[in-house]
Amino acid sequence: MAFCKFGVLALLLLSGIFMLGIEVENANAQKMCLQVCDPDVAYMTCPSSGDEHITEVCVNCCTANEGCKLFRTDGSLICTGTPE
C-alpha cells in the first residue's frame, strides 16, 4: 500500500514538473511589449509608405511594425521593427 502511494505521489510530482516546464517554455517564446511612446522617435519610415517620413507616432522598438525604421531628429536610426 505504501509503495502505491509513493508511486502516485511520484507520478503527480513528475507530471507537475513537466507541466511547469511547458509553461516556462511558452512564456519565453512570447514577446512582451510595453505600450509606451519612445520620446526619442522623431519619425519613422515603413516599407508600405516608401521613403515618406511618418511623424507624430507613438511607437517604440518593440511595437513598431515589421520593417518599419525609427529615427531620431538628427536622422540617426534607432531600430527596425521585427516580427512578433
Protein backbone atom coordinates (compact mmCIF):
# COMPACT_ATOMS: atom_id res chain seq x y z
CA MET A 1 0.00 0.00 0.00
CA ALA A 2 2.82 2.44 0.88
CA PHE A 3 4.54 1.65 -2.42
CA CYS A 4 1.33 2.51 -4.32
CA LYS A 5 1.02 5.86 -2.51
CA PHE A 6 4.67 6.63 -3.26
CA GLY A 7 4.14 5.79 -6.93
CA VAL A 8 1.10 8.04 -7.19
CA LEU A 9 2.89 10.91 -5.46
CA ALA A 10 5.94 10.49 -7.69
CA LEU A 11 3.72 10.47 -10.78
CA LEU A 12 1.95 13.64 -9.65
CA LEU A 13 5.24 15.34 -8.91
CA LEU A 14 6.74 14.42 -12.28
CA SER A 15 3.63 15.50 -14.19
CA GLY A 16 3.63 18.82 -12.29
CA ILE A 17 7.28 19.42 -13.16
CA PHE A 18 6.53 18.55 -16.79
CA MET A 19 3.57 20.98 -16.91
CA LEU A 20 5.64 23.77 -15.33
CA GLY A 21 8.37 23.15 -17.91
CA ILE A 22 5.86 23.62 -20.72
CA GLU A 23 4.59 26.87 -19.18
CA VAL A 24 8.12 28.28 -18.82
CA GLU A 25 8.96 27.37 -22.42
CA ASN A 26 5.82 29.09 -23.73
CA ALA A 27 6.44 32.18 -21.61
CA ASN A 28 9.92 32.59 -23.07
CA ALA A 29 8.57 32.32 -26.62
CA GLN A 30 6.16 35.22 -26.22
CA LYS A 31 7.33 38.76 -26.86
CA MET A 32 6.42 41.22 -24.14
CA CYS A 33 5.98 44.78 -25.41
CA LEU A 34 5.19 47.80 -23.31
CA GLN A 35 2.73 50.17 -24.96
CA VAL A 36 4.88 53.24 -24.28
CA CYS A 37 5.87 56.01 -26.68
CA ASP A 38 9.62 56.35 -27.14
CA PRO A 39 10.34 60.08 -26.74
CA ASP A 40 13.47 59.79 -28.93
CA VAL A 41 11.45 58.80 -32.01
CA ALA A 42 11.02 61.83 -34.29
CA TYR A 43 9.70 59.92 -37.30
CA MET A 44 9.55 56.51 -38.90
CA THR A 45 9.51 55.01 -42.36
CA CYS A 46 7.78 51.79 -43.30
CA PRO A 47 8.03 49.55 -46.37
CA SER A 48 4.38 50.27 -47.17
CA SER A 49 4.96 54.05 -47.28
CA GLY A 50 8.34 54.06 -49.04
CA ASP A 51 10.59 56.95 -48.01
CA GLU A 52 7.74 59.03 -46.57
CA HIS A 53 8.51 60.32 -43.07
CA ILE A 54 5.65 59.39 -40.76
CA THR A 55 5.64 61.86 -37.87
CA GLU A 56 3.68 62.18 -34.65
CA VAL A 57 3.90 58.47 -33.95
CA CYS A 58 3.57 56.71 -30.64
CA VAL A 59 5.80 53.66 -31.04
CA ASN A 60 8.91 52.05 -29.62
CA CYS A 61 11.32 49.44 -30.95
CA CYS A 62 9.13 46.63 -29.67
CA THR A 63 5.79 47.89 -31.02
CA ALA A 64 6.94 49.08 -34.47
CA ASN A 65 5.59 47.03 -37.36
CA GLU A 66 7.95 44.65 -39.12
CA GLY A 67 10.38 46.54 -41.36
CA CYS A 68 9.47 50.00 -40.05
CA LYS A 69 12.52 52.07 -39.12
CA LEU A 70 12.50 54.52 -36.23
CA PHE A 71 14.69 57.64 -36.43
CA ARG A 72 15.83 60.45 -34.13
CA THR A 73 15.55 64.14 -35.09
CA ASP A 74 19.15 64.11 -36.34
CA GLY A 75 18.25 61.30 -38.78
CA SER A 76 20.12 58.56 -36.96
CA LEU A 77 18.47 55.15 -36.92
CA ILE A 78 17.17 53.93 -33.56
CA CYS A 79 15.95 50.49 -34.63
CA THR A 80 13.98 48.46 -37.16
CA GLY A 81 10.75 46.68 -36.25
CA THR A 82 10.97 42.90 -36.13
CA PRO A 83 8.28 40.22 -36.48
CA GLU A 84 6.46 39.15 -33.32
